[in-house]
Amino acid sequence: ARNRGIRLSLNLSVQQFHQTDVAQELIELCREHRFTPAYLCAELTESVVAKDIKLVRQKLALLNEAGIQVAIDDFGTGYSSLSYLSDLPIDILKIDKSFTDQVTQQHTEYPLVDSIIFMAQQLKKTIVVEGIEEQIQHDYFNQRGCQYLQGFKFYKPMPLHDLPF
């Protein structure tokens, strides 16, 4: 990843996040492998945030201070309060594929999807839209200023060395 100038994202489970000193472990791994923390993103689901908010805030602050970005993965599918979006050092909202799937040629308006995008933009969060498979989805989210789109429309999962750089 370092040689190709791309960001490495790690999905952290609820158990990893709450049962270990994961923030310090990630920081140490970056030091040990001489990996620039700015090229690392820790992805968490909303269920991680739903637990001990004080502990979550401490761990996210450590990651943030080290330069590691934090993303909320599958945003919109959890049951937690939205207040954490402005209270915690979260850099990226990854809009869940279930919202992407709503964008089809059969409809022209998607108020919930547009509300999520608007909210993220107002909070100055980077937006990643998951599950882009069709051109209409690509166009819809691109026209609304979403910074990053990911999905099978672009590439299927593959080993790093197979990426066409």
N, C-alpha and C. Protein backbone atom coordinates (compact mmCIF):
# COMPACT_ATOMS: atom_id res chain seq x y z
N ALA A 1 0.83 -1.20 0.00
CA ALA A 1 0.00 0.00 0.00
C ALA A 1 0.87 1.25 0.00
N ARG A 2 1.92 1.24 0.81
CA ARG A 2 2.80 2.40 0.90
C ARG A 2 3.45 2.69 -0.45
N ASN A 3 3.93 1.65 -1.11
CA ASN A 3 4.61 1.82 -2.39
C ASN A 3 3.67 2.31 -3.49
N ARG A 4 2.39 2.04 -3.36
CA ARG A 4 1.42 2.44 -4.39
C ARG A 4 0.65 3.70 -4.00
N GLY A 5 0.93 4.23 -2.83
CA GLY A 5 0.30 5.48 -2.41
C GLY A 5 -1.19 5.35 -2.13
N ILE A 6 -1.62 4.19 -1.65
CA ILE A 6 -3.05 4.01 -1.34
C ILE A 6 -3.23 3.81 0.16
N ARG A 7 -4.43 4.10 0.61
CA ARG A 7 -4.77 3.98 2.02
C ARG A 7 -5.15 2.52 2.34
N LEU A 8 -4.73 2.08 3.49
CA LEU A 8 -5.06 0.75 3.98
C LEU A 8 -6.17 0.90 5.01
N SER A 9 -7.27 0.18 4.82
CA SER A 9 -8.39 0.23 5.77
C SER A 9 -8.50 -1.11 6.49
N LEU A 10 -8.73 -1.03 7.79
CA LEU A 10 -8.89 -2.21 8.61
C LEU A 10 -10.27 -2.19 9.26
N ASN A 11 -11.03 -3.24 9.08
CA ASN A 11 -12.32 -3.36 9.76
C ASN A 11 -12.07 -3.91 11.15
N LEU A 12 -12.52 -3.18 12.15
CA LEU A 12 -12.35 -3.60 13.53
C LEU A 12 -13.69 -4.05 14.09
N SER A 13 -13.73 -5.24 14.66
CA SER A 13 -14.98 -5.75 15.23
C SER A 13 -15.25 -5.10 16.58
N VAL A 14 -16.46 -5.24 17.05
CA VAL A 14 -16.84 -4.72 18.37
C VAL A 14 -15.93 -5.34 19.43
N GLN A 15 -15.69 -6.65 19.33
CA GLN A 15 -14.85 -7.34 20.32
C GLN A 15 -13.42 -6.81 20.29
N GLN A 16 -12.84 -6.66 19.10
CA GLN A 16 -11.48 -6.12 19.01
C GLN A 16 -11.39 -4.74 19.63
N PHE A 17 -12.37 -3.92 19.32
CA PHE A 17 -12.32 -2.55 19.76
C PHE A 17 -12.48 -2.42 21.28
N HIS A 18 -13.35 -3.23 21.87
CA HIS A 18 -13.66 -3.08 23.29
C HIS A 18 -12.86 -4.00 24.20
N GLN A 19 -12.31 -5.09 23.68
CA GLN A 19 -11.61 -6.02 24.55
C GLN A 19 -10.10 -5.90 24.48
N THR A 20 -9.58 -5.03 23.65
CA THR A 20 -8.14 -4.86 23.53
C THR A 20 -7.79 -3.38 23.58
N ASP A 21 -6.50 -3.13 23.65
CA ASP A 21 -6.02 -1.76 23.56
C ASP A 21 -5.69 -1.51 22.09
N VAL A 22 -6.70 -1.62 21.25
CA VAL A 22 -6.53 -1.62 19.80
C VAL A 22 -5.89 -0.34 19.27
N ALA A 23 -6.19 0.78 19.85
CA ALA A 23 -5.62 2.04 19.37
C ALA A 23 -4.10 2.01 19.54
N GLN A 24 -3.65 1.67 20.73
CA GLN A 24 -2.21 1.62 20.99
C GLN A 24 -1.54 0.54 20.15
N GLU A 25 -2.21 -0.59 19.95
CA GLU A 25 -1.66 -1.66 19.12
C GLU A 25 -1.46 -1.21 17.67
N LEU A 26 -2.44 -0.50 17.12
CA LEU A 26 -2.31 -0.01 15.75
C LEU A 26 -1.18 1.02 15.62
N ILE A 27 -1.07 1.88 16.60
CA ILE A 27 -0.01 2.88 16.59
C ILE A 27 1.36 2.20 16.65
N GLU A 28 1.49 1.20 17.51
CA GLU A 28 2.75 0.46 17.62
C GLU A 28 3.07 -0.29 16.34
N LEU A 29 2.07 -0.90 15.71
CA LEU A 29 2.31 -1.60 14.45
C LEU A 29 2.78 -0.64 13.35
N CYS A 30 2.23 0.55 13.33
CA CYS A 30 2.69 1.55 12.36
C CYS A 30 4.15 1.88 12.60
N ARG A 31 4.52 2.09 13.85
CA ARG A 31 5.92 2.40 14.17
C ARG A 31 6.83 1.23 13.79
N GLU A 32 6.43 0.05 14.21
CA GLU A 32 7.24 -1.14 13.98
C GLU A 32 7.50 -1.40 12.50
N HIS A 33 6.49 -1.16 11.66
CA HIS A 33 6.61 -1.42 10.23
C HIS A 33 6.90 -0.16 9.41
N ARG A 34 7.18 0.93 10.12
CA ARG A 34 7.47 2.21 9.46
C ARG A 34 6.38 2.58 8.45
N PHE A 35 5.16 2.41 8.89
CA PHE A 35 3.99 2.70 8.06
C PHE A 35 3.43 4.04 8.51
N THR A 36 3.25 4.96 7.60
CA THR A 36 2.72 6.29 7.92
C THR A 36 1.27 6.18 8.36
N PRO A 37 0.95 6.56 9.60
CA PRO A 37 -0.42 6.44 10.10
C PRO A 37 -1.46 7.14 9.23
N ALA A 38 -1.08 8.20 8.53
CA ALA A 38 -2.02 8.92 7.67
C ALA A 38 -2.55 8.04 6.54
N TYR A 39 -1.86 6.93 6.25
CA TYR A 39 -2.31 6.01 5.20
C TYR A 39 -3.12 4.85 5.78
N LEU A 40 -3.51 4.96 7.05
CA LEU A 40 -4.28 3.91 7.70
C LEU A 40 -5.64 4.46 8.12
N CYS A 41 -6.66 3.65 7.91
CA CYS A 41 -8.03 4.01 8.31
C CYS A 41 -8.62 2.85 9.11
N ALA A 42 -9.08 3.13 10.31
CA ALA A 42 -9.76 2.13 11.14
C ALA A 42 -11.26 2.25 10.89
N GLU A 43 -11.86 1.16 10.41
CA GLU A 43 -13.30 1.17 10.12
C GLU A 43 -14.05 0.47 11.24
N LEU A 44 -15.08 1.15 11.74
CA LEU A 44 -15.90 0.66 12.83
C LEU A 44 -17.36 0.70 12.40
N THR A 45 -18.15 -0.21 12.93
CA THR A 45 -19.59 -0.12 12.68
C THR A 45 -20.22 0.74 13.78
N GLU A 46 -21.43 1.16 13.54
CA GLU A 46 -22.13 1.99 14.53
C GLU A 46 -22.31 1.26 15.86
N SER A 47 -22.35 -0.07 15.83
CA SER A 47 -22.53 -0.83 17.07
C SER A 47 -21.35 -0.65 18.02
N VAL A 48 -20.16 -0.35 17.50
CA VAL A 48 -19.00 -0.08 18.35
C VAL A 48 -19.27 1.16 19.19
N VAL A 49 -19.83 2.17 18.55
CA VAL A 49 -20.08 3.44 19.21
C VAL A 49 -21.19 3.32 20.24
N ALA A 50 -22.09 2.38 20.07
CA ALA A 50 -23.25 2.24 20.94
C ALA A 50 -22.87 1.79 22.35
N LYS A 51 -21.69 1.24 22.51
CA LYS A 51 -21.26 0.80 23.85
C LYS A 51 -20.76 1.98 24.67
N ASP A 52 -19.73 1.81 25.44
CA ASP A 52 -19.18 2.80 26.36
C ASP A 52 -18.63 4.01 25.60
N ILE A 53 -19.39 5.08 25.52
CA ILE A 53 -19.04 6.24 24.71
C ILE A 53 -17.76 6.91 25.22
N LYS A 54 -17.53 6.92 26.53
CA LYS A 54 -16.32 7.53 27.08
C LYS A 54 -15.08 6.77 26.63
N LEU A 55 -15.13 5.45 26.70
CA LEU A 55 -14.01 4.61 26.26
C LEU A 55 -13.79 4.74 24.76
N VAL A 56 -14.87 4.77 24.00
CA VAL A 56 -14.79 4.94 22.55
C VAL A 56 -14.11 6.26 22.23
N ARG A 57 -14.52 7.33 22.90
CA ARG A 57 -13.94 8.65 22.66
C ARG A 57 -12.43 8.64 22.93
N GLN A 58 -12.01 8.00 24.00
CA GLN A 58 -10.58 7.93 24.34
C GLN A 58 -9.79 7.19 23.26
N LYS A 59 -10.30 6.05 22.83
CA LYS A 59 -9.59 5.26 21.83
C LYS A 59 -9.55 5.98 20.47
N LEU A 60 -10.65 6.59 20.10
CA LEU A 60 -10.68 7.32 18.83
C LEU A 60 -9.77 8.54 18.88
N ALA A 61 -9.68 9.19 20.03
CA ALA A 61 -8.79 10.34 20.18
C ALA A 61 -7.33 9.91 20.00
N LEU A 62 -6.96 8.75 20.56
CA LEU A 62 -5.60 8.24 20.37
C LEU A 62 -5.30 7.99 18.90
N LEU A 63 -6.25 7.35 18.21
CA LEU A 63 -6.07 7.09 16.77
C LEU A 63 -5.93 8.40 16.02
N ASN A 64 -6.81 9.33 16.32
CA ASN A 64 -6.81 10.63 15.64
C ASN A 64 -5.52 11.38 15.88
N GLU A 65 -5.03 11.40 17.11
CA GLU A 65 -3.79 12.10 17.43
C GLU A 65 -2.60 11.49 16.70
N ALA A 66 -2.65 10.18 16.46
CA ALA A 66 -1.56 9.50 15.74
C ALA A 66 -1.65 9.72 14.24
N GLY A 67 -2.77 10.26 13.77
CA GLY A 67 -2.94 10.50 12.34
C GLY A 67 -3.72 9.42 11.62
N ILE A 68 -4.20 8.43 12.36
CA ILE A 68 -5.00 7.35 11.78
C ILE A 68 -6.43 7.85 11.63
N GLN A 69 -6.98 7.71 10.43
CA GLN A 69 -8.36 8.15 10.21
C GLN A 69 -9.33 7.10 10.76
N VAL A 70 -10.53 7.56 11.07
CA VAL A 70 -11.59 6.69 11.58
C VAL A 70 -12.80 6.81 10.67
N ALA A 71 -13.33 5.65 10.27
CA ALA A 71 -14.52 5.61 9.42
C ALA A 71 -15.62 4.83 10.12
N ILE A 72 -16.85 5.29 9.94
CA ILE A 72 -18.00 4.51 10.36
C ILE A 72 -18.47 3.75 9.13
N ASP A 73 -18.34 2.43 9.20
CA ASP A 73 -18.70 1.55 8.08
C ASP A 73 -20.19 1.22 8.14
N ASP A 74 -20.78 0.98 7.00
CA ASP A 74 -22.20 0.61 6.90
C ASP A 74 -23.10 1.65 7.57
N PHE A 75 -22.75 2.93 7.40
CA PHE A 75 -23.50 3.98 8.06
C PHE A 75 -24.97 3.94 7.68
N GLY A 76 -25.82 4.12 8.69
CA GLY A 76 -27.25 4.16 8.48
C GLY A 76 -27.96 2.87 8.80
N THR A 77 -27.20 1.82 9.09
CA THR A 77 -27.84 0.53 9.38
C THR A 77 -27.87 0.23 10.86
N GLY A 78 -27.20 1.05 11.68
CA GLY A 78 -27.15 0.81 13.12
C GLY A 78 -28.31 1.47 13.84
N TYR A 79 -28.30 1.29 15.15
CA TYR A 79 -29.40 1.82 15.97
C TYR A 79 -28.91 2.81 17.01
N SER A 80 -27.77 3.41 16.76
CA SER A 80 -27.24 4.32 17.76
C SER A 80 -27.69 5.76 17.50
N SER A 81 -27.43 6.61 18.46
CA SER A 81 -27.79 8.01 18.36
C SER A 81 -26.88 8.72 17.36
N LEU A 82 -27.43 9.66 16.63
CA LEU A 82 -26.63 10.42 15.68
C LEU A 82 -25.73 11.46 16.35
N SER A 83 -25.94 11.69 17.63
CA SER A 83 -25.15 12.72 18.32
C SER A 83 -23.66 12.39 18.31
N TYR A 84 -23.30 11.12 18.20
CA TYR A 84 -21.89 10.76 18.22
C TYR A 84 -21.15 11.33 17.01
N LEU A 85 -21.86 11.64 15.93
CA LEU A 85 -21.19 12.15 14.73
C LEU A 85 -20.47 13.46 14.97
N SER A 86 -21.02 14.30 15.83
CA SER A 86 -20.34 15.57 16.11
C SER A 86 -19.51 15.49 17.39
N ASP A 87 -19.73 14.47 18.22
CA ASP A 87 -19.01 14.35 19.48
C ASP A 87 -17.71 13.57 19.37
N LEU A 88 -17.57 12.72 18.37
CA LEU A 88 -16.41 11.85 18.26
C LEU A 88 -15.54 12.22 17.07
N PRO A 89 -14.25 11.95 17.17
CA PRO A 89 -13.34 12.26 16.05
C PRO A 89 -13.47 11.23 14.92
N ILE A 90 -14.53 11.37 14.16
CA ILE A 90 -14.80 10.48 13.03
C ILE A 90 -14.57 11.28 11.75
N ASP A 91 -13.78 10.70 10.86
CA ASP A 91 -13.40 11.40 9.64
C ASP A 91 -14.28 11.05 8.44
N ILE A 92 -14.72 9.79 8.39
CA ILE A 92 -15.35 9.26 7.18
C ILE A 92 -16.66 8.55 7.53
N LEU A 93 -17.68 8.79 6.71
CA LEU A 93 -18.93 8.02 6.79
C LEU A 93 -19.03 7.20 5.52
N LYS A 94 -19.14 5.89 5.71
CA LYS A 94 -19.29 5.00 4.56
C LYS A 94 -20.77 4.64 4.45
N ILE A 95 -21.43 5.19 3.46
CA ILE A 95 -22.87 4.97 3.27
C ILE A 95 -23.10 3.53 2.84
N ASP A 96 -23.94 2.84 3.58
CA ASP A 96 -24.18 1.41 3.36
C ASP A 96 -24.79 1.11 2.00
N LYS A 97 -24.46 -0.04 1.48
CA LYS A 97 -24.94 -0.50 0.18
C LYS A 97 -26.47 -0.54 0.11
N SER A 98 -27.13 -0.74 1.23
CA SER A 98 -28.60 -0.79 1.20
C SER A 98 -29.18 0.55 0.72
N PHE A 99 -28.50 1.66 0.99
CA PHE A 99 -28.94 2.96 0.48
C PHE A 99 -28.56 3.12 -0.98
N THR A 100 -27.40 2.63 -1.35
CA THR A 100 -26.97 2.68 -2.75
C THR A 100 -27.96 1.92 -3.63
N ASP A 101 -28.42 0.77 -3.13
CA ASP A 101 -29.34 -0.06 -3.89
C ASP A 101 -30.67 0.64 -4.15
N GLN A 102 -31.02 1.63 -3.33
CA GLN A 102 -32.27 2.36 -3.53
C GLN A 102 -32.23 3.22 -4.79
N VAL A 103 -31.03 3.58 -5.19
CA VAL A 103 -30.88 4.47 -6.34
C VAL A 103 -30.96 3.63 -7.62
N THR A 104 -32.11 3.68 -8.22
CA THR A 104 -32.35 2.93 -9.47
C THR A 104 -33.05 3.83 -10.47
N GLN A 105 -33.26 3.34 -11.65
CA GLN A 105 -33.94 4.12 -12.67
C GLN A 105 -35.44 4.23 -12.42
N GLN A 106 -35.97 3.47 -11.48
CA GLN A 106 -37.41 3.46 -11.23
C GLN A 106 -37.89 4.67 -10.43
N HIS A 107 -36.98 5.33 -9.73
CA HIS A 107 -37.35 6.49 -8.92
C HIS A 107 -36.46 7.67 -9.31
N THR A 108 -36.89 8.84 -8.93
CA THR A 108 -36.07 10.02 -9.21
C THR A 108 -35.68 10.76 -7.94
N GLU A 109 -36.31 10.46 -6.81
CA GLU A 109 -36.00 11.14 -5.56
C GLU A 109 -35.75 10.11 -4.47
N TYR A 110 -34.76 10.42 -3.65
CA TYR A 110 -34.37 9.53 -2.56
C TYR A 110 -34.10 10.39 -1.32
N PRO A 111 -35.16 10.81 -0.63
CA PRO A 111 -34.99 11.79 0.45
C PRO A 111 -34.09 11.30 1.60
N LEU A 112 -34.15 10.03 1.95
CA LEU A 112 -33.32 9.54 3.04
C LEU A 112 -31.84 9.55 2.63
N VAL A 113 -31.56 9.09 1.43
CA VAL A 113 -30.18 9.09 0.92
C VAL A 113 -29.66 10.53 0.85
N ASP A 114 -30.46 11.42 0.29
CA ASP A 114 -30.04 12.81 0.19
C ASP A 114 -29.82 13.44 1.57
N SER A 115 -30.64 13.05 2.55
CA SER A 115 -30.49 13.58 3.91
C SER A 115 -29.18 13.12 4.55
N ILE A 116 -28.82 11.88 4.33
CA ILE A 116 -27.56 11.35 4.86
C ILE A 116 -26.38 12.10 4.24
N ILE A 117 -26.43 12.28 2.94
CA ILE A 117 -25.35 13.00 2.24
C ILE A 117 -25.26 14.44 2.76
N PHE A 118 -26.40 15.11 2.86
CA PHE A 118 -26.43 16.49 3.34
C PHE A 118 -25.86 16.59 4.76
N MET A 119 -26.29 15.68 5.64
CA MET A 119 -25.82 15.69 7.02
C MET A 119 -24.30 15.50 7.07
N ALA A 120 -23.79 14.53 6.33
CA ALA A 120 -22.35 14.27 6.31
C ALA A 120 -21.58 15.49 5.79
N GLN A 121 -22.11 16.12 4.76
CA GLN A 121 -21.45 17.31 4.20
C GLN A 121 -21.46 18.46 5.20
N GLN A 122 -22.57 18.65 5.90
CA GLN A 122 -22.65 19.73 6.88
C GLN A 122 -21.70 19.50 8.05
N LEU A 123 -21.47 18.23 8.38
CA LEU A 123 -20.54 17.88 9.47
C LEU A 123 -19.10 17.80 8.98
N LYS A 124 -18.90 18.09 7.69
CA LYS A 124 -17.58 18.07 7.07
C LYS A 124 -16.89 16.71 7.18
N LYS A 125 -17.69 15.66 6.97
CA LYS A 125 -17.16 14.30 6.95
C LYS A 125 -16.91 13.89 5.51
N THR A 126 -15.86 13.12 5.29
CA THR A 126 -15.62 12.54 3.98
C THR A 126 -16.67 11.46 3.76
N ILE A 127 -17.21 11.37 2.56
CA ILE A 127 -18.24 10.39 2.24
C ILE A 127 -17.68 9.33 1.31
N VAL A 128 -17.88 8.07 1.69
CA VAL A 128 -17.58 6.93 0.84
C VAL A 128 -18.90 6.20 0.62
N VAL A 129 -19.27 6.00 -0.63
CA VAL A 129 -20.51 5.30 -0.94
C VAL A 129 -20.15 3.86 -1.33
N GLU A 130 -20.71 2.91 -0.59
CA GLU A 130 -20.43 1.49 -0.82
C GLU A 130 -21.43 0.89 -1.81
N GLY A 131 -20.98 -0.11 -2.53
CA GLY A 131 -21.89 -0.91 -3.34
C GLY A 131 -22.27 -0.33 -4.69
N ILE A 132 -21.45 0.51 -5.26
CA ILE A 132 -21.76 1.07 -6.59
C ILE A 132 -21.61 -0.06 -7.62
N GLU A 133 -22.70 -0.37 -8.31
CA GLU A 133 -22.68 -1.43 -9.32
C GLU A 133 -23.17 -0.96 -10.68
N GLU A 134 -23.94 0.12 -10.70
CA GLU A 134 -24.54 0.58 -11.95
C GLU A 134 -24.17 2.05 -12.22
N GLN A 135 -24.20 2.42 -13.48
CA GLN A 135 -23.85 3.79 -13.87
C GLN A 135 -24.78 4.80 -13.24
N ILE A 136 -26.06 4.48 -13.11
CA ILE A 136 -27.00 5.44 -12.53
C ILE A 136 -26.64 5.75 -11.07
N GLN A 137 -26.15 4.74 -10.34
CA GLN A 137 -25.71 4.96 -8.96
C GLN A 137 -24.46 5.84 -8.96
N HIS A 138 -23.55 5.53 -9.84
CA HIS A 138 -22.31 6.32 -9.96
C HIS A 138 -22.65 7.78 -10.21
N ASP A 139 -23.51 8.04 -11.19
CA ASP A 139 -23.87 9.40 -11.55
C ASP A 139 -24.59 10.12 -10.41
N TYR A 140 -25.52 9.43 -9.77
CA TYR A 140 -26.32 10.03 -8.70
C TYR A 140 -25.42 10.53 -7.56
N PHE A 141 -24.54 9.67 -7.07
CA PHE A 141 -23.70 10.05 -5.93
C PHE A 141 -22.59 11.02 -6.34
N ASN A 142 -22.10 10.87 -7.53
CA ASN A 142 -21.09 11.79 -8.03
C ASN A 142 -21.66 13.19 -8.15
N GLN A 143 -22.88 13.32 -8.66
CA GLN A 143 -23.53 14.63 -8.81
C GLN A 143 -23.81 15.29 -7.46
N ARG A 144 -23.88 14.51 -6.40
CA ARG A 144 -24.17 15.05 -5.08
C ARG A 144 -22.90 15.33 -4.28
N GLY A 145 -21.76 15.23 -4.92
CA GLY A 145 -20.50 15.61 -4.28
C GLY A 145 -19.90 14.60 -3.34
N CYS A 146 -20.31 13.34 -3.45
CA CYS A 146 -19.70 12.30 -2.62
C CYS A 146 -18.27 12.09 -3.10
N GLN A 147 -17.32 12.14 -2.18
CA GLN A 147 -15.91 12.13 -2.55
C GLN A 147 -15.43 10.79 -3.10
N TYR A 148 -15.90 9.69 -2.54
CA TYR A 148 -15.40 8.37 -2.93
C TYR A 148 -16.54 7.40 -3.18
N LEU A 149 -16.40 6.64 -4.25
CA LEU A 149 -17.37 5.61 -4.60
C LEU A 149 -16.63 4.29 -4.68
N GLN A 150 -17.22 3.24 -4.13
CA GLN A 150 -16.57 1.94 -4.22
C GLN A 150 -17.61 0.88 -4.57
N GLY A 151 -17.18 -0.13 -5.27
CA GLY A 151 -18.09 -1.21 -5.62
C GLY A 151 -17.62 -1.98 -6.84
N PHE A 152 -18.38 -3.01 -7.17
CA PHE A 152 -18.04 -3.90 -8.28
C PHE A 152 -18.02 -3.18 -9.63
N LYS A 153 -18.67 -2.01 -9.72
CA LYS A 153 -18.61 -1.27 -10.98
C LYS A 153 -17.16 -0.93 -11.34
N PHE A 154 -16.35 -0.76 -10.32
CA PHE A 154 -14.96 -0.36 -10.53
C PHE A 154 -14.03 -1.58 -10.52
N TYR A 155 -14.09 -2.36 -9.46
CA TYR A 155 -13.24 -3.55 -9.33
C TYR A 155 -13.89 -4.56 -8.40
N LYS A 156 -13.61 -5.80 -8.63
CA LYS A 156 -13.97 -6.87 -7.71
C LYS A 156 -12.80 -7.00 -6.73
N PRO A 157 -13.01 -7.63 -5.56
CA PRO A 157 -11.89 -7.82 -4.64
C PRO A 157 -10.75 -8.57 -5.33
N MET A 158 -9.52 -8.13 -5.03
CA MET A 158 -8.36 -8.76 -5.66
C MET A 158 -7.13 -8.54 -4.79
N PRO A 159 -6.11 -9.34 -5.00
CA PRO A 159 -4.85 -9.10 -4.27
C PRO A 159 -4.25 -7.76 -4.67
N LEU A 160 -3.54 -7.13 -3.75
CA LEU A 160 -2.95 -5.84 -4.00
C LEU A 160 -2.07 -5.83 -5.24
N HIS A 161 -1.29 -6.89 -5.44
CA HIS A 161 -0.36 -6.90 -6.58
C HIS A 161 -1.08 -6.97 -7.92
N ASP A 162 -2.38 -7.29 -7.94
CA ASP A 162 -3.14 -7.33 -9.19
C ASP A 162 -3.77 -5.98 -9.56
N LEU A 163 -3.69 -5.00 -8.67
CA LEU A 163 -4.27 -3.70 -8.98
C LEU A 163 -3.54 -3.09 -10.17
N PRO A 164 -4.30 -2.53 -11.12
CA PRO A 164 -3.67 -1.97 -12.33
C PRO A 164 -3.13 -0.56 -12.12
N PHE A 165 -1.92 -0.46 -11.61
CA PHE A 165 -1.28 0.85 -11.41
C PHE A 165 -0.18 1.03 -12.40
